[in-house]
Amino acid sequence: MNTVRRLLYQDITASVGFVSVAFLALFYFFDFVDDLGDAGKRGRGLGQVALGALLEVPGHFYDLFPIAVLIGTIYALARLAQSSEFTILRTSGLGPGRALAMLATLGAGYAALTFAVGDLVAPASERVRTELEARARGGLRVGAAGAWLKERRTLSEGERSYSINIGGTSGAGEITDVLIFEFDADGRPLKRTYAKRASVDRVGRWTLQDTIVTRWPVQGAANPDVQESAQPQIVWQSGLSADVVAAAVLPLATMTTLDLWRYSEHLSDQEQTAQRHQIRFWRKALYPLACLVMMALALPFAYLHARAGGVSWKVFGGIMLGITFVLLNNLAGHIGLLRDWTPWIAAATPSALYLLLSMAAFAWLVRYR
């Protein structure tokens, strides 16, 4: 069986590698051509455009690798079936259970590779690309309304709640246009702090630059006037660390699975809507297992006789299956968000449906063909 395993693994790995390289080269070309319009603007040369497109490759690999696994495995198995090699392997003792176990082992290796790239390489490269883009543009805006964070703290004066709005990021890696609203236990506004620039460290220490502090009078105060003062720098201690701020400001593609879990927990603790990030967390956690589903989905093609269609038609069918899986995977996340589904159910439904489809097709072919 070692010889059979080596034959299958070599053929499948070569096919999957070829399809992956073809996909990545195609998407790199698309990204490069799409960014060519920025060449020569804001000091961005052709080399920077090429580097930006290259930094998007790990993210494309993470998104496309399960589809490449499906297409490559279908091609390898269909070619073995067309040349009757798979029939010989079956008559030599390669039963359906053993074939499924072999592919599952290889699929587990592909799943580990997908997780490593998606959780280590892709977020780091996306963060570097975002920083380069921010430097080229002199900063980035965080949507039209900015990013909002909330925090509750108990001080010596009583319970305080804070709402923080971050307008964007600068080319130097700082956050810009920061607004901090402070409220008392009854929700009355006490103070508003505006900072043109700010930096946050790992322990939640905010260094605010070029600040304007507005204080509203408390109930029963002797002086009912609103007070406003300008200060060059304020150090504000908060429970919001740099990781939480980065999760709110930077794109979701820069976040690892652990970052998504931490940020969704922070949102839940602050009674903010966390379902979007929870669904994203479960999708990211379960997505590598799609490689196992794709391997199971490809196995029935090995049991189709050559009369059932040539290799090209089987590969075309694999491409269509891969496209529908991606569409359903994305659609399930949006429907789960609209219908308020349990996050892990919304993330796991597409893989579960395709796994059931593959097992049903596999059982039918083994029994009747």
Protein backbone atom coordinates (compact mmCIF):
# COMPACT_ATOMS: atom_id res chain seq x y z
CA MET A 1 0.00 0.00 0.00
CA ASN A 2 2.96 2.34 0.39
CA THR A 3 3.48 2.19 -3.38
CA VAL A 4 -0.18 2.97 -4.02
CA ARG A 5 -0.10 5.82 -1.51
CA ARG A 6 3.03 7.24 -3.10
CA LEU A 7 1.50 7.01 -6.59
CA LEU A 8 -1.70 8.79 -5.55
CA TYR A 9 0.01 11.44 -3.45
CA GLN A 10 2.57 12.29 -6.13
CA ASP A 11 -0.03 12.62 -8.88
CA ILE A 12 -2.47 14.62 -6.76
CA THR A 13 0.20 16.90 -5.28
CA ALA A 14 1.64 17.67 -8.71
CA SER A 15 -1.81 18.47 -10.10
CA VAL A 16 -2.82 20.58 -7.10
CA GLY A 17 0.47 22.47 -7.24
CA PHE A 18 0.05 23.20 -10.95
CA VAL A 19 -3.52 24.46 -10.49
CA SER A 20 -2.48 26.60 -7.50
CA VAL A 21 0.37 28.23 -9.40
CA ALA A 22 -1.91 28.90 -12.37
CA PHE A 23 -4.55 30.52 -10.16
CA LEU A 24 -2.03 32.65 -8.27
CA ALA A 25 -0.32 33.80 -11.46
CA LEU A 26 -3.68 34.77 -12.94
CA PHE A 27 -4.80 36.72 -9.88
CA TYR A 28 -1.40 38.38 -9.52
CA PHE A 29 -1.73 39.58 -13.11
CA PHE A 30 -5.23 40.93 -12.39
CA ASP A 31 -4.05 42.77 -9.25
CA PHE A 32 -0.99 44.17 -11.01
CA VAL A 33 -3.00 45.47 -13.96
CA ASP A 34 -5.66 46.88 -11.63
CA ASP A 35 -3.04 48.86 -9.65
CA LEU A 36 -1.12 50.10 -12.69
CA GLY A 37 -3.26 53.24 -12.69
CA ASP A 38 -1.60 54.27 -9.38
CA ALA A 39 1.93 54.02 -10.81
CA GLY A 40 3.58 57.43 -10.82
CA LYS A 41 1.08 58.86 -8.32
CA ARG A 42 2.07 59.90 -4.79
CA GLY A 43 5.59 58.69 -5.44
CA ARG A 44 4.43 55.13 -6.10
CA GLY A 45 6.59 53.50 -8.75
CA LEU A 46 6.18 50.34 -10.80
CA GLY A 47 8.17 48.32 -8.25
CA GLN A 48 5.81 49.31 -5.44
CA VAL A 49 2.82 48.34 -7.55
CA ALA A 50 4.39 44.94 -8.22
CA LEU A 51 5.20 44.53 -4.50
CA GLY A 52 1.63 45.43 -3.50
CA ALA A 53 0.23 42.82 -5.88
CA LEU A 54 2.75 40.27 -4.57
CA LEU A 55 1.65 40.89 -0.97
CA GLU A 56 -1.90 39.92 -1.96
CA VAL A 57 -0.77 36.48 -3.16
CA PRO A 58 -0.95 34.75 0.31
CA GLY A 59 -4.53 35.93 0.73
CA HIS A 60 -5.46 34.61 -2.70
CA PHE A 61 -3.73 31.32 -1.90
CA TYR A 62 -5.81 30.96 1.26
CA ASP A 63 -9.06 31.68 -0.59
CA LEU A 64 -8.34 29.58 -3.67
CA PHE A 65 -6.39 26.60 -2.34
CA PRO A 66 -9.44 24.42 -1.47
CA ILE A 67 -10.71 24.94 -5.03
CA ALA A 68 -7.26 24.07 -6.38
CA VAL A 69 -7.34 20.91 -4.23
CA LEU A 70 -10.70 19.97 -5.75
CA ILE A 71 -9.69 20.62 -9.37
CA GLY A 72 -6.23 19.06 -9.02
CA THR A 73 -7.56 15.94 -7.30
CA ILE A 74 -10.33 15.51 -9.86
CA TYR A 75 -7.81 15.82 -12.69
CA ALA A 76 -5.41 13.30 -11.14
CA LEU A 77 -8.11 10.75 -10.30
CA ALA A 78 -9.95 11.17 -13.62
CA ARG A 79 -6.69 10.66 -15.51
CA LEU A 80 -6.00 7.48 -13.51
CA ALA A 81 -9.54 6.26 -14.21
CA GLN A 82 -9.29 7.04 -17.93
CA SER A 83 -6.09 5.03 -18.28
CA SER A 84 -7.64 2.19 -16.20
CA GLU A 85 -4.88 2.57 -13.58
CA PHE A 86 -7.43 3.23 -10.85
CA THR A 87 -9.35 0.10 -11.90
CA ILE A 88 -6.14 -1.91 -11.52
CA LEU A 89 -5.58 -0.37 -8.08
CA ARG A 90 -9.13 -1.35 -7.08
CA THR A 91 -8.67 -4.95 -8.19
CA SER A 92 -5.34 -5.01 -6.32
CA GLY A 93 -7.04 -4.33 -3.00
CA LEU A 94 -7.67 -0.56 -2.90
CA GLY A 95 -11.16 -0.63 -1.44
CA PRO A 96 -13.43 2.41 -1.14
CA GLY A 97 -12.74 2.83 2.59
CA ARG A 98 -8.99 2.66 2.14
CA ALA A 99 -9.07 5.10 -0.79
CA LEU A 100 -11.15 7.53 1.26
CA ALA A 101 -8.74 7.21 4.21
CA MET A 102 -5.73 7.92 1.97
CA LEU A 103 -7.31 11.03 0.53
CA ALA A 104 -8.42 12.15 4.00
CA THR A 105 -4.83 11.93 5.24
CA LEU A 106 -3.60 14.02 2.33
CA GLY A 107 -6.50 16.42 2.81
CA ALA A 108 -5.53 16.88 6.46
CA GLY A 109 -2.06 17.94 5.33
CA TYR A 110 -3.59 20.41 2.88
CA ALA A 111 -5.86 21.72 5.65
CA ALA A 112 -2.85 22.32 7.91
CA LEU A 113 -1.10 24.19 5.09
CA THR A 114 -4.21 26.31 4.47
CA PHE A 115 -4.48 27.18 8.15
CA ALA A 116 -0.79 28.11 8.39
CA VAL A 117 -0.96 30.41 5.36
CA GLY A 118 -4.32 31.91 6.32
CA ASP A 119 -3.44 32.49 9.97
CA LEU A 120 0.24 33.42 9.78
CA VAL A 121 1.36 34.51 6.32
CA ALA A 122 -1.75 36.16 4.84
CA PRO A 123 -2.57 38.50 7.79
CA ALA A 124 1.06 39.62 8.06
CA SER A 125 1.37 40.32 4.32
CA GLU A 126 -1.99 42.12 4.28
CA ARG A 127 -0.90 44.30 7.18
CA VAL A 128 2.34 45.20 5.40
CA ARG A 129 0.37 46.02 2.24
CA THR A 130 -2.01 48.23 4.23
CA GLU A 131 0.92 50.09 5.83
CA LEU A 132 2.56 50.65 2.43
CA GLU A 133 -0.73 51.94 1.02
CA ALA A 134 -1.17 54.26 4.02
CA ARG A 135 2.32 55.69 3.53
CA ALA A 136 1.74 56.22 -0.17
CA ARG A 137 -1.56 58.01 0.44
CA GLY A 138 -0.42 59.84 3.56
CA GLY A 139 -2.98 57.98 5.67
CA LEU A 140 -6.17 55.97 5.39
CA ARG A 141 -9.72 56.80 6.41
CA VAL A 142 -11.76 54.20 8.32
CA GLY A 143 -15.06 54.42 6.47
CA ALA A 144 -17.32 57.45 6.40
CA ALA A 145 -18.16 57.38 10.13
CA GLY A 146 -14.85 56.05 11.42
CA ALA A 147 -14.41 53.13 13.82
CA TRP A 148 -16.19 53.09 17.19
CA LEU A 149 -14.96 51.48 20.40
CA LYS A 150 -16.61 51.32 23.82
CA GLU A 151 -15.29 50.77 27.31
CA ARG A 152 -16.61 50.75 30.88
CA ARG A 153 -14.40 51.41 33.90
CA THR A 154 -14.90 51.91 37.62
CA LEU A 155 -12.89 54.85 38.98
CA SER A 156 -12.69 56.50 42.37
CA GLU A 157 -15.29 59.04 41.19
CA GLY A 158 -17.68 56.23 40.21
CA GLU A 159 -18.51 54.22 37.09
CA ARG A 160 -17.48 55.76 33.79
CA SER A 161 -18.23 54.73 30.21
CA TYR A 162 -16.30 55.82 27.14
CA SER A 163 -17.16 55.95 23.46
CA ILE A 164 -14.13 56.36 21.20
CA ASN A 165 -14.25 57.26 17.52
CA ILE A 166 -11.17 56.82 15.33
CA GLY A 167 -11.19 58.61 12.00
CA GLY A 168 -8.25 56.95 10.28
CA THR A 169 -4.56 56.12 10.33
CA SER A 170 -1.52 58.12 9.32
CA GLY A 171 1.38 57.10 7.14
CA ALA A 172 3.54 56.85 10.28
CA GLY A 173 1.32 54.17 11.82
CA GLU A 174 -0.54 56.46 14.23
CA ILE A 175 -4.31 56.80 14.50
CA THR A 176 -5.81 60.16 13.59
CA ASP A 177 -8.87 62.28 14.41
CA VAL A 178 -9.59 60.58 17.73
CA LEU A 179 -12.69 61.56 19.71
CA ILE A 180 -13.15 60.26 23.28
CA PHE A 181 -16.53 60.86 24.95
CA GLU A 182 -16.76 60.25 28.70
CA PHE A 183 -20.11 59.61 30.46
CA ASP A 184 -21.07 59.08 34.07
CA ALA A 185 -23.04 56.15 35.48
CA ASP A 186 -26.34 57.79 34.44
CA GLY A 187 -25.19 58.38 30.85
CA ARG A 188 -24.66 62.14 31.22
CA PRO A 189 -21.76 63.53 29.15
CA LEU A 190 -18.83 64.77 31.22
CA LYS A 191 -15.96 65.34 28.85
CA ARG A 192 -14.97 65.18 25.22
CA THR A 193 -11.34 64.86 24.15
CA TYR A 194 -10.26 65.41 20.55
CA ALA A 195 -6.76 64.41 19.45
CA LYS A 196 -5.33 65.06 16.03
CA ARG A 197 -2.96 62.11 16.40
CA ALA A 198 -2.57 59.30 18.91
CA SER A 199 -0.57 56.15 19.54
CA VAL A 200 -1.55 53.13 21.65
CA ASP A 201 0.79 50.61 23.29
CA ARG A 202 0.27 46.98 24.28
CA VAL A 203 -0.93 47.81 27.83
CA GLY A 204 -3.59 50.30 26.72
CA ARG A 205 -1.71 53.54 27.28
CA TRP A 206 -2.96 56.16 24.81
CA THR A 207 -0.65 59.07 24.00
CA LEU A 208 -2.85 61.82 22.57
CA GLN A 209 -1.21 64.65 20.59
CA ASP A 210 -2.61 68.14 19.81
CA THR A 211 -5.67 67.73 21.99
CA ILE A 212 -8.72 69.85 22.70
CA VAL A 213 -10.60 68.94 25.90
CA THR A 214 -14.22 70.05 26.37
CA ARG A 215 -15.76 69.65 29.85
CA TRP A 216 -19.49 69.88 30.50
CA PRO A 217 -20.67 71.02 33.90
CA VAL A 218 -21.94 68.35 36.29
CA GLN A 219 -25.37 68.66 37.86
CA GLY A 220 -25.38 71.19 40.68
CA ALA A 221 -21.96 72.66 39.79
CA ALA A 222 -21.24 76.25 40.85
CA ASN A 223 -19.92 77.11 37.38
CA PRO A 224 -22.44 76.06 34.69
CA ASP A 225 -20.24 77.10 31.78
CA VAL A 226 -18.71 74.68 29.30
CA GLN A 227 -14.92 74.72 29.63
CA GLU A 228 -12.55 74.10 26.74
CA SER A 229 -8.77 73.82 26.88
CA ALA A 230 -6.00 72.86 24.47
CA GLN A 231 -3.10 70.68 25.54
CA PRO A 232 -0.13 69.52 23.45
CA GLN A 233 -0.14 65.99 24.89
CA ILE A 234 -2.28 63.84 27.17
CA VAL A 235 -1.57 60.31 28.38
CA TRP A 236 -4.80 58.37 28.92
CA GLN A 237 -4.79 54.92 30.48
CA SER A 238 -7.40 52.62 28.99
CA GLY A 239 -8.24 48.94 28.84
CA LEU A 240 -8.22 49.10 25.03
CA SER A 241 -4.85 47.81 23.88
CA ALA A 242 -3.15 48.25 20.54
CA ASP A 243 -4.46 44.85 19.37
CA VAL A 244 -8.08 45.88 19.95
CA VAL A 245 -7.55 49.22 18.23
CA ALA A 246 -5.86 47.54 15.26
CA ALA A 247 -8.76 45.09 14.98
CA ALA A 248 -11.21 47.99 14.78
CA VAL A 249 -9.17 50.12 12.37
CA LEU A 250 -7.43 47.69 10.02
CA PRO A 251 -9.23 45.50 7.44
CA LEU A 252 -10.56 42.12 8.57
CA ALA A 253 -8.04 40.40 6.29
CA THR A 254 -5.24 41.49 8.65
CA MET A 255 -6.75 39.59 11.60
CA THR A 256 -5.79 36.07 12.65
CA THR A 257 -8.25 33.57 14.07
CA LEU A 258 -7.17 34.47 17.61
CA ASP A 259 -7.51 38.19 16.88
CA LEU A 260 -11.06 37.68 15.62
CA TRP A 261 -12.00 35.72 18.73
CA ARG A 262 -10.51 38.32 21.07
CA TYR A 263 -12.20 41.20 19.28
CA SER A 264 -15.59 39.46 19.15
CA GLU A 265 -15.29 38.78 22.90
CA HIS A 266 -14.46 42.44 23.48
CA LEU A 267 -17.53 43.51 21.51
CA SER A 268 -19.74 41.11 23.45
CA ASP A 269 -18.37 42.35 26.78
CA GLN A 270 -19.14 45.94 25.76
CA GLU A 271 -22.65 44.94 24.60
CA GLN A 272 -21.87 45.76 20.97
CA THR A 273 -22.93 43.77 17.93
CA ALA A 274 -20.39 40.98 17.54
CA GLN A 275 -22.15 38.55 15.19
CA ARG A 276 -20.29 39.76 12.08
CA HIS A 277 -16.93 39.09 13.69
CA GLN A 278 -18.14 35.83 15.26
CA ILE A 279 -19.24 34.52 11.86
CA ARG A 280 -15.91 35.63 10.43
CA PHE A 281 -14.10 33.82 13.27
CA TRP A 282 -15.92 30.55 12.66
CA ARG A 283 -15.48 30.82 8.91
CA LYS A 284 -11.75 31.33 9.35
CA ALA A 285 -11.50 28.52 11.89
CA LEU A 286 -13.46 26.02 9.76
CA TYR A 287 -12.33 27.05 6.28
CA PRO A 288 -9.16 24.86 6.23
CA LEU A 289 -11.42 21.82 6.72
CA ALA A 290 -12.83 22.63 3.28
CA CYS A 291 -9.74 20.86 1.88
CA LEU A 292 -11.01 17.61 3.41
CA VAL A 293 -14.46 18.25 1.93
CA MET A 294 -12.96 18.94 -1.50
CA MET A 295 -10.94 15.71 -1.40
CA ALA A 296 -14.09 13.75 -0.52
CA LEU A 297 -15.97 15.56 -3.30
CA ALA A 298 -13.29 14.64 -5.85
CA LEU A 299 -13.13 10.92 -5.00
CA PRO A 300 -16.39 9.92 -6.79
CA PHE A 301 -14.86 11.10 -10.08
CA ALA A 302 -12.38 8.21 -9.84
CA TYR A 303 -15.26 5.71 -9.95
CA LEU A 304 -16.78 7.17 -13.09
CA HIS A 305 -16.00 5.13 -16.20
CA ALA A 306 -14.21 6.83 -19.08
CA ARG A 307 -17.50 6.70 -21.01
CA ALA A 308 -18.99 9.10 -18.43
CA GLY A 309 -16.97 11.94 -19.92
CA GLY A 310 -13.42 12.92 -20.68
CA VAL A 311 -10.97 14.42 -18.23
CA SER A 312 -11.70 17.93 -19.48
CA TRP A 313 -15.41 17.61 -18.72
CA LYS A 314 -14.69 16.27 -15.26
CA VAL A 315 -12.29 19.13 -14.56
CA PHE A 316 -14.92 21.57 -15.81
CA GLY A 317 -17.42 19.99 -13.41
CA GLY A 318 -14.89 20.41 -10.61
CA ILE A 319 -14.49 24.09 -11.44
CA MET A 320 -18.26 24.57 -11.30
CA LEU A 321 -18.46 22.76 -7.97
CA GLY A 322 -15.66 24.92 -6.59
CA ILE A 323 -17.34 28.14 -7.74
CA THR A 324 -20.69 27.13 -6.25
CA PHE A 325 -18.96 26.24 -2.96
CA VAL A 326 -17.33 29.68 -2.74
CA LEU A 327 -20.61 31.41 -3.60
CA LEU A 328 -22.55 29.37 -1.04
CA ASN A 329 -19.86 29.94 1.59
CA ASN A 330 -20.05 33.71 1.14
CA LEU A 331 -23.83 33.70 0.85
CA ALA A 332 -24.25 31.69 4.06
CA GLY A 333 -22.30 34.32 6.00
CA HIS A 334 -24.51 37.15 4.74
CA ILE A 335 -27.74 35.19 5.27
CA GLY A 336 -26.60 34.21 8.77
CA LEU A 337 -25.96 37.86 9.56
CA LEU A 338 -29.37 38.94 8.23
CA ARG A 339 -31.31 36.07 9.81
CA ASP A 340 -29.35 36.14 13.10
CA TRP A 341 -28.22 32.52 12.80
CA THR A 342 -25.88 30.94 15.32
CA PRO A 343 -22.41 31.93 14.00
CA TRP A 344 -20.87 28.45 13.87
CA ILE A 345 -23.93 27.07 12.04
CA ALA A 346 -23.73 29.81 9.41
CA ALA A 347 -20.03 29.08 8.92
CA ALA A 348 -20.30 25.27 8.86
CA THR A 349 -23.43 24.85 6.70
CA PRO A 350 -21.75 25.01 3.22
CA SER A 351 -19.01 22.50 4.13
CA ALA A 352 -21.55 20.16 5.76
CA LEU A 353 -23.83 20.26 2.69
CA TYR A 354 -20.98 19.53 0.27
CA LEU A 355 -19.63 16.77 2.51
CA LEU A 356 -23.06 15.09 2.53
CA LEU A 357 -23.26 15.51 -1.25
CA SER A 358 -19.85 13.92 -1.76
CA MET A 359 -20.58 10.98 0.58
CA ALA A 360 -23.94 10.33 -1.10
CA ALA A 361 -22.37 10.36 -4.57
CA PHE A 362 -19.49 8.18 -3.38
CA ALA A 363 -21.82 5.61 -1.79
CA TRP A 364 -24.05 5.48 -4.89
CA LEU A 365 -21.12 5.00 -7.29
CA VAL A 366 -19.48 2.33 -5.16
CA ARG A 367 -22.76 0.44 -4.80
CA TYR A 368 -24.19 0.70 -8.31
CA ARG A 369 -21.23 1.43 -10.61
